[in-house]
Amino acid sequence: MRVDVYNQKGEKAGTIELNESVFGVPFNEPVVHQALIAQLANRRLGTADTKTRGEVTKSTKKLYAQKHTGRARRGSAKTPLLKGGGTAFGPHPRSYRQAMPKKMKQVALKSILSAKAVNGELVVIDKFEIDRPKSKTIFDMLVVLGIDTTAMIVTGGVESGVFLSARNIAGVKALPLSSLNVADLLSYNKLLVTSAAVKRMEELWGNNKVKAAESA
């Protein structure tokens, strides 16, 4: 698949051939769904905690006589039935983490990248040249590219100028390729990727190494 490459000013700077093993993968909905659920579950802290009747600080003295009061029998004030008592079956610290094979994560990422490429939601940027952080630089680029919806910018490495310039623009997020994840890809409509990031994706997730080994 061949797509156009634009510069920072929104002008066409050439074309690039996308590797079909990364940007031409059939959409695997079950794997994408599992990857999303696992990522959201791994965000949960699981630090909620309640005190049981054995942890509440209260007197263990019997509240009143067992009989002849006309009331229901009552023992410790720590019972969950009384205000200030312990909590029965309440939450306690736990881990919600879900493990997922690395190859399945890659399939999920490639499925979304391929879908965006096919639907015209993938825009390749040659490179960014930002001397000092300025939101207007990124905003003007989005305007000339005709992007009026949410967008995510992915760079090959850490480019602080890009990240700082995009962080104050509503609906826009910039991150390095190493932080690319399923939840963000699904949350933003347009995906702007630098040429360096595209090459790195193909090196990490493509089948170039396999084909080279077979030809040898």
C-alpha atoms as a PDB file:
ATOM      1  CA  MET A   1       0.000   0.000   0.000  1.00  0.00           C
ATOM      2  CA  ARG A   2       1.440   3.356  -1.029  1.00  0.00           C
ATOM      3  CA  VAL A   3       0.433   6.552   0.795  1.00  0.00           C
ATOM      4  CA  ASP A   4       1.414  10.201   0.571  1.00  0.00           C
ATOM      5  CA  VAL A   5       3.932  11.756   2.935  1.00  0.00           C
ATOM      6  CA  TYR A   6       3.436  15.319   4.162  1.00  0.00           C
ATOM      7  CA  ASN A   7       5.825  17.762   5.757  1.00  0.00           C
ATOM      8  CA  GLN A   8       5.218  19.831   8.877  1.00  0.00           C
ATOM      9  CA  LYS A   9       3.574  22.566   6.793  1.00  0.00           C
ATOM     10  CA  GLY A  10       1.016  20.146   5.389  1.00  0.00           C
ATOM     11  CA  GLU A  11       2.608  20.055   1.947  1.00  0.00           C
ATOM     12  CA  LYS A  12       3.071  16.796   0.058  1.00  0.00           C
ATOM     13  CA  ALA A  13       6.700  15.686   0.352  1.00  0.00           C
ATOM     14  CA  GLY A  14       6.550  12.338  -1.446  1.00  0.00           C
ATOM     15  CA  THR A  15       5.132   8.861  -1.001  1.00  0.00           C
ATOM     16  CA  ILE A  16       5.956   5.809   1.073  1.00  0.00           C
ATOM     17  CA  GLU A  17       5.258   2.109   0.592  1.00  0.00           C
ATOM     18  CA  LEU A  18       3.664   0.578   3.693  1.00  0.00           C
ATOM     19  CA  ASN A  19       4.586  -2.970   4.629  1.00  0.00           C
ATOM     20  CA  GLU A  20       1.533  -5.210   4.168  1.00  0.00           C
ATOM     21  CA  SER A  21       2.590  -7.372   7.113  1.00  0.00           C
ATOM     22  CA  VAL A  22       2.010  -4.373   9.403  1.00  0.00           C
ATOM     23  CA  PHE A  23      -0.503  -2.156   7.604  1.00  0.00           C
ATOM     24  CA  GLY A  24      -2.393  -4.799   5.615  1.00  0.00           C
ATOM     25  CA  VAL A  25      -3.493  -7.196   8.355  1.00  0.00           C
ATOM     26  CA  PRO A  26      -7.159  -8.311   8.565  1.00  0.00           C
ATOM     27  CA  PHE A  27      -8.938  -6.813  11.561  1.00  0.00           C
ATOM     28  CA  ASN A  28      -8.984  -9.332  14.426  1.00  0.00           C
ATOM     29  CA  GLU A  29     -11.801  -8.078  16.649  1.00  0.00           C
ATOM     30  CA  PRO A  30     -11.523 -10.731  19.428  1.00  0.00           C
ATOM     31  CA  VAL A  31      -7.808 -10.055  19.927  1.00  0.00           C
ATOM     32  CA  VAL A  32      -8.287  -6.275  19.866  1.00  0.00           C
ATOM     33  CA  HIS A  33     -11.093  -6.576  22.407  1.00  0.00           C
ATOM     34  CA  GLN A  34      -8.993  -8.790  24.680  1.00  0.00           C
ATOM     35  CA  ALA A  35      -6.030  -6.407  24.461  1.00  0.00           C
ATOM     36  CA  LEU A  36      -8.239  -3.435  25.347  1.00  0.00           C
ATOM     37  CA  ILE A  37      -9.822  -5.209  28.319  1.00  0.00           C
ATOM     38  CA  ALA A  38      -6.395  -6.305  29.585  1.00  0.00           C
ATOM     39  CA  GLN A  39      -4.977  -2.782  29.293  1.00  0.00           C
ATOM     40  CA  LEU A  40      -7.902  -1.206  31.125  1.00  0.00           C
ATOM     41  CA  ALA A  41      -7.730  -3.880  33.821  1.00  0.00           C
ATOM     42  CA  ASN A  42      -4.007  -3.284  34.312  1.00  0.00           C
ATOM     43  CA  ARG A  43      -4.713   0.394  34.989  1.00  0.00           C
ATOM     44  CA  ARG A  44      -6.770  -0.464  38.066  1.00  0.00           C
ATOM     45  CA  LEU A  45      -4.876   0.015  41.323  1.00  0.00           C
ATOM     46  CA  GLY A  46      -6.876  -2.424  43.396  1.00  0.00           C
ATOM     47  CA  THR A  47      -6.083  -0.539  46.607  1.00  0.00           C
ATOM     48  CA  ALA A  48      -9.637  -0.345  47.988  1.00  0.00           C
ATOM     49  CA  ASP A  49      -9.813  -1.781  51.488  1.00  0.00           C
ATOM     50  CA  THR A  50     -12.451  -2.122  54.201  1.00  0.00           C
ATOM     51  CA  LYS A  51     -12.117  -3.248  57.808  1.00  0.00           C
ATOM     52  CA  THR A  52     -13.679  -6.498  58.897  1.00  0.00           C
ATOM     53  CA  ARG A  53     -15.154  -6.934  62.366  1.00  0.00           C
ATOM     54  CA  GLY A  54     -11.781  -8.271  63.466  1.00  0.00           C
ATOM     55  CA  GLU A  55     -10.019  -5.044  62.433  1.00  0.00           C
ATOM     56  CA  VAL A  56     -12.422  -2.449  63.822  1.00  0.00           C
ATOM     57  CA  THR A  57     -11.281  -0.776  67.051  1.00  0.00           C
ATOM     58  CA  LYS A  58     -14.171  -1.116  69.455  1.00  0.00           C
ATOM     59  CA  SER A  59     -14.865  -2.646  72.864  1.00  0.00           C
ATOM     60  CA  THR A  60     -15.640  -6.340  72.893  1.00  0.00           C
ATOM     61  CA  LYS A  61     -17.875  -5.974  75.954  1.00  0.00           C
ATOM     62  CA  LYS A  62     -21.387  -7.297  75.543  1.00  0.00           C
ATOM     63  CA  LEU A  63     -23.629  -4.292  74.900  1.00  0.00           C
ATOM     64  CA  TYR A  64     -26.420  -5.327  77.255  1.00  0.00           C
ATOM     65  CA  ALA A  65     -27.866  -8.375  78.935  1.00  0.00           C
ATOM     66  CA  GLN A  66     -28.789 -11.340  76.840  1.00  0.00           C
ATOM     67  CA  LYS A  67     -32.335 -11.569  78.222  1.00  0.00           C
ATOM     68  CA  HIS A  68     -35.150  -9.542  79.793  1.00  0.00           C
ATOM     69  CA  THR A  69     -34.555  -6.357  77.781  1.00  0.00           C
ATOM     70  CA  GLY A  70     -37.216  -6.886  75.145  1.00  0.00           C
ATOM     71  CA  ARG A  71     -34.605  -6.325  72.425  1.00  0.00           C
ATOM     72  CA  ALA A  72     -32.820  -8.670  70.124  1.00  0.00           C
ATOM     73  CA  ARG A  73     -29.737 -10.323  71.551  1.00  0.00           C
ATOM     74  CA  ARG A  74     -26.590  -8.361  70.827  1.00  0.00           C
ATOM     75  CA  GLY A  75     -22.944  -9.161  71.427  1.00  0.00           C
ATOM     76  CA  SER A  76     -19.952  -7.142  70.201  1.00  0.00           C
ATOM     77  CA  ALA A  77     -20.282  -3.621  68.805  1.00  0.00           C
ATOM     78  CA  LYS A  78     -17.995  -4.718  65.984  1.00  0.00           C
ATOM     79  CA  THR A  79     -20.800  -6.550  64.225  1.00  0.00           C
ATOM     80  CA  PRO A  80     -21.475  -5.438  60.628  1.00  0.00           C
ATOM     81  CA  LEU A  81     -25.115  -4.935  61.622  1.00  0.00           C
ATOM     82  CA  LEU A  82     -24.293  -1.815  63.675  1.00  0.00           C
ATOM     83  CA  LYS A  83     -23.096   1.588  62.548  1.00  0.00           C
ATOM     84  CA  GLY A  84     -19.343   1.853  63.007  1.00  0.00           C
ATOM     85  CA  GLY A  85     -18.929  -1.890  62.930  1.00  0.00           C
ATOM     86  CA  GLY A  86     -16.927  -3.930  60.465  1.00  0.00           C
ATOM     87  CA  THR A  87     -17.839  -4.465  56.826  1.00  0.00           C
ATOM     88  CA  ALA A  88     -18.934  -7.875  55.670  1.00  0.00           C
ATOM     89  CA  PHE A  89     -17.591  -9.060  52.317  1.00  0.00           C
ATOM     90  CA  GLY A  90     -16.062  -5.653  51.544  1.00  0.00           C
ATOM     91  CA  PRO A  91     -13.208  -5.054  49.076  1.00  0.00           C
ATOM     92  CA  HIS A  92      -9.577  -5.719  49.994  1.00  0.00           C
ATOM     93  CA  PRO A  93      -6.320  -4.976  48.137  1.00  0.00           C
ATOM     94  CA  ARG A  94      -5.965  -7.184  45.077  1.00  0.00           C
ATOM     95  CA  SER A  95      -4.411  -7.250  41.628  1.00  0.00           C
ATOM     96  CA  TYR A  96      -6.604  -6.935  38.538  1.00  0.00           C
ATOM     97  CA  ARG A  97      -3.686  -7.560  36.200  1.00  0.00           C
ATOM     98  CA  GLN A  98      -4.309  -9.651  33.090  1.00  0.00           C
ATOM     99  CA  ALA A  99      -1.357 -11.172  31.276  1.00  0.00           C
ATOM    100  CA  MET A 100      -1.373 -11.242  27.485  1.00  0.00           C
ATOM    101  CA  PRO A 101       1.199 -12.787  25.107  1.00  0.00           C
ATOM    102  CA  LYS A 102       3.446 -10.306  23.343  1.00  0.00           C
ATOM    103  CA  LYS A 103       2.506 -11.610  19.897  1.00  0.00           C
ATOM    104  CA  MET A 104      -1.189 -11.120  20.611  1.00  0.00           C
ATOM    105  CA  LYS A 105      -0.535  -7.501  21.570  1.00  0.00           C
ATOM    106  CA  GLN A 106       1.294  -7.027  18.282  1.00  0.00           C
ATOM    107  CA  VAL A 107      -1.615  -8.537  16.354  1.00  0.00           C
ATOM    108  CA  ALA A 108      -4.001  -6.130  18.092  1.00  0.00           C
ATOM    109  CA  LEU A 109      -1.808  -3.115  17.269  1.00  0.00           C
ATOM    110  CA  LYS A 110      -1.330  -4.176  13.642  1.00  0.00           C
ATOM    111  CA  SER A 111      -5.064  -4.791  13.257  1.00  0.00           C
ATOM    112  CA  ILE A 112      -5.883  -1.228  14.300  1.00  0.00           C
ATOM    113  CA  LEU A 113      -3.048   0.285  12.256  1.00  0.00           C
ATOM    114  CA  SER A 114      -4.232  -1.626   9.182  1.00  0.00           C
ATOM    115  CA  ALA A 115      -7.830  -0.523   9.707  1.00  0.00           C
ATOM    116  CA  LYS A 116      -6.775   3.114   9.959  1.00  0.00           C
ATOM    117  CA  ALA A 117      -4.644   2.814   6.829  1.00  0.00           C
ATOM    118  CA  VAL A 118      -7.513   1.282   4.841  1.00  0.00           C
ATOM    119  CA  ASN A 119     -10.050   3.837   6.107  1.00  0.00           C
ATOM    120  CA  GLY A 120      -7.834   6.799   5.284  1.00  0.00           C
ATOM    121  CA  GLU A 121      -7.284   7.683   8.946  1.00  0.00           C
ATOM    122  CA  LEU A 122      -3.499   7.282   8.755  1.00  0.00           C
ATOM    123  CA  VAL A 123      -1.371  10.311   7.835  1.00  0.00           C
ATOM    124  CA  VAL A 124       2.397  10.003   7.428  1.00  0.00           C
ATOM    125  CA  ILE A 125       4.505  13.039   8.353  1.00  0.00           C
ATOM    126  CA  ASP A 126       8.050  13.332   7.006  1.00  0.00           C
ATOM    127  CA  LYS A 127       9.518  14.798  10.212  1.00  0.00           C
ATOM    128  CA  PHE A 128       9.007  17.524  12.786  1.00  0.00           C
ATOM    129  CA  GLU A 129      11.289  20.536  13.088  1.00  0.00           C
ATOM    130  CA  ILE A 130      10.273  22.405  16.228  1.00  0.00           C
ATOM    131  CA  ASP A 131      12.879  24.715  17.740  1.00  0.00           C
ATOM    132  CA  ARG A 132      10.765  25.627  20.731  1.00  0.00           C
ATOM    133  CA  PRO A 133       7.430  24.259  21.962  1.00  0.00           C
ATOM    134  CA  LYS A 134       4.505  26.134  20.443  1.00  0.00           C
ATOM    135  CA  SER A 135       0.939  24.845  20.221  1.00  0.00           C
ATOM    136  CA  LYS A 136       0.252  26.931  17.118  1.00  0.00           C
ATOM    137  CA  THR A 137       2.797  24.884  15.146  1.00  0.00           C
ATOM    138  CA  ILE A 138       0.859  21.654  15.627  1.00  0.00           C
ATOM    139  CA  PHE A 139      -2.517  23.389  15.366  1.00  0.00           C
ATOM    140  CA  ASP A 140      -1.650  25.000  12.002  1.00  0.00           C
ATOM    141  CA  MET A 141      -0.427  21.644  10.682  1.00  0.00           C
ATOM    142  CA  LEU A 142      -3.724  19.976  11.598  1.00  0.00           C
ATOM    143  CA  VAL A 143      -5.674  22.783   9.927  1.00  0.00           C
ATOM    144  CA  VAL A 144      -3.835  22.572   6.589  1.00  0.00           C
ATOM    145  CA  LEU A 145      -4.171  18.780   6.649  1.00  0.00           C
ATOM    146  CA  GLY A 146      -7.922  19.164   7.086  1.00  0.00           C
ATOM    147  CA  ILE A 147      -8.008  17.332  10.406  1.00  0.00           C
ATOM    148  CA  ASP A 148     -10.912  18.655  12.463  1.00  0.00           C
ATOM    149  CA  THR A 149     -11.351  15.653  14.751  1.00  0.00           C
ATOM    150  CA  THR A 150      -9.354  13.940  17.497  1.00  0.00           C
ATOM    151  CA  ALA A 151      -5.821  13.034  16.480  1.00  0.00           C
ATOM    152  CA  MET A 152      -2.847  11.181  17.897  1.00  0.00           C
ATOM    153  CA  ILE A 153       0.734  11.908  16.859  1.00  0.00           C
ATOM    154  CA  VAL A 154       3.281   9.089  17.049  1.00  0.00           C
ATOM    155  CA  THR A 155       7.006   9.750  16.709  1.00  0.00           C
ATOM    156  CA  GLY A 156       9.850   7.290  16.301  1.00  0.00           C
ATOM    157  CA  GLY A 157      11.553   8.437  19.495  1.00  0.00           C
ATOM    158  CA  VAL A 158      11.213  10.985  22.265  1.00  0.00           C
ATOM    159  CA  GLU A 159      10.646  14.432  20.735  1.00  0.00           C
ATOM    160  CA  SER A 160       9.886  16.769  23.621  1.00  0.00           C
ATOM    161  CA  GLY A 161       9.173  19.697  21.296  1.00  0.00           C
ATOM    162  CA  VAL A 162       6.310  17.807  19.662  1.00  0.00           C
ATOM    163  CA  PHE A 163       4.918  16.508  22.939  1.00  0.00           C
ATOM    164  CA  LEU A 164       4.952  19.918  24.623  1.00  0.00           C
ATOM    165  CA  SER A 165       3.441  21.617  21.571  1.00  0.00           C
ATOM    166  CA  ALA A 166       0.530  19.171  21.395  1.00  0.00           C
ATOM    167  CA  ARG A 167      -0.348  18.774  25.058  1.00  0.00           C
ATOM    168  CA  ASN A 168      -2.453  21.972  25.283  1.00  0.00           C
ATOM    169  CA  ILE A 169      -4.561  21.201  22.193  1.00  0.00           C
ATOM    170  CA  ALA A 170      -7.888  19.582  23.054  1.00  0.00           C
ATOM    171  CA  GLY A 171      -8.394  16.200  21.417  1.00  0.00           C
ATOM    172  CA  VAL A 172      -4.742  15.844  20.419  1.00  0.00           C
ATOM    173  CA  LYS A 173      -2.157  13.576  22.001  1.00  0.00           C
ATOM    174  CA  ALA A 174       1.488  12.983  21.098  1.00  0.00           C
ATOM    175  CA  LEU A 175       3.602  10.062  22.242  1.00  0.00           C
ATOM    176  CA  PRO A 176       6.636   8.003  21.162  1.00  0.00           C
ATOM    177  CA  LEU A 177       6.256   4.667  19.410  1.00  0.00           C
ATOM    178  CA  SER A 178       7.405   2.856  22.558  1.00  0.00           C
ATOM    179  CA  SER A 179       4.243   4.082  24.325  1.00  0.00           C
ATOM    180  CA  LEU A 180       1.820   3.139  21.554  1.00  0.00           C
ATOM    181  CA  ASN A 181      -1.139   1.181  22.921  1.00  0.00           C
ATOM    182  CA  VAL A 182      -4.511  -0.205  21.898  1.00  0.00           C
ATOM    183  CA  ALA A 183      -6.643   2.078  24.079  1.00  0.00           C
ATOM    184  CA  ASP A 184      -5.166   5.289  22.618  1.00  0.00           C
ATOM    185  CA  LEU A 185      -5.382   4.007  19.051  1.00  0.00           C
ATOM    186  CA  LEU A 186      -9.083   3.331  19.518  1.00  0.00           C
ATOM    187  CA  SER A 187      -9.708   6.637  21.307  1.00  0.00           C
ATOM    188  CA  TYR A 188      -8.435   8.939  18.542  1.00  0.00           C
ATOM    189  CA  ASN A 189      -9.867   9.110  15.035  1.00  0.00           C
ATOM    190  CA  LYS A 190      -6.827  10.280  13.078  1.00  0.00           C
ATOM    191  CA  LEU A 191      -3.326   8.854  13.442  1.00  0.00           C
ATOM    192  CA  LEU A 192      -0.339  10.977  12.422  1.00  0.00           C
ATOM    193  CA  VAL A 193       2.860   8.934  12.216  1.00  0.00           C
ATOM    194  CA  THR A 194       6.341  10.114  11.315  1.00  0.00           C
ATOM    195  CA  SER A 195       8.338   8.302   8.631  1.00  0.00           C
ATOM    196  CA  ALA A 196      10.819   7.210  11.297  1.00  0.00           C
ATOM    197  CA  ALA A 197       7.999   5.671  13.331  1.00  0.00           C
ATOM    198  CA  VAL A 198       6.681   3.808  10.286  1.00  0.00           C
ATOM    199  CA  LYS A 199      10.097   2.315   9.577  1.00  0.00           C
ATOM    200  CA  ARG A 200      10.502   1.332  13.209  1.00  0.00           C
ATOM    201  CA  MET A 201       7.076  -0.355  13.210  1.00  0.00           C
ATOM    202  CA  GLU A 202       8.030  -2.383  10.160  1.00  0.00           C
ATOM    203  CA  GLU A 203      11.339  -3.378  11.772  1.00  0.00           C
ATOM    204  CA  LEU A 204       9.652  -4.490  14.986  1.00  0.00           C
ATOM    205  CA  TRP A 205       6.463  -6.094  13.695  1.00  0.00           C
ATOM    206  CA  GLY A 206       7.073  -6.765   9.995  1.00  0.00           C
ATOM    207  CA  ASN A 207       8.006 -10.013   8.268  1.00  0.00           C
ATOM    208  CA  ASN A 208      11.144  -8.669   6.608  1.00  0.00           C
ATOM    209  CA  LYS A 209      13.456 -10.794   8.744  1.00  0.00           C
ATOM    210  CA  VAL A 210      11.495 -13.936   7.957  1.00  0.00           C
ATOM    211  CA  LYS A 211      11.554 -13.311   4.189  1.00  0.00           C
ATOM    212  CA  ALA A 212      15.284 -12.557   4.308  1.00  0.00           C
ATOM    213  CA  ALA A 213      15.976 -15.839   6.088  1.00  0.00           C
ATOM    214  CA  GLU A 214      13.880 -17.794   3.556  1.00  0.00           C
ATOM    215  CA  SER A 215      15.654 -16.206   0.577  1.00  0.00           C
ATOM    216  CA  ALA A 216      19.058 -17.053   2.077  1.00  0.00           C
END
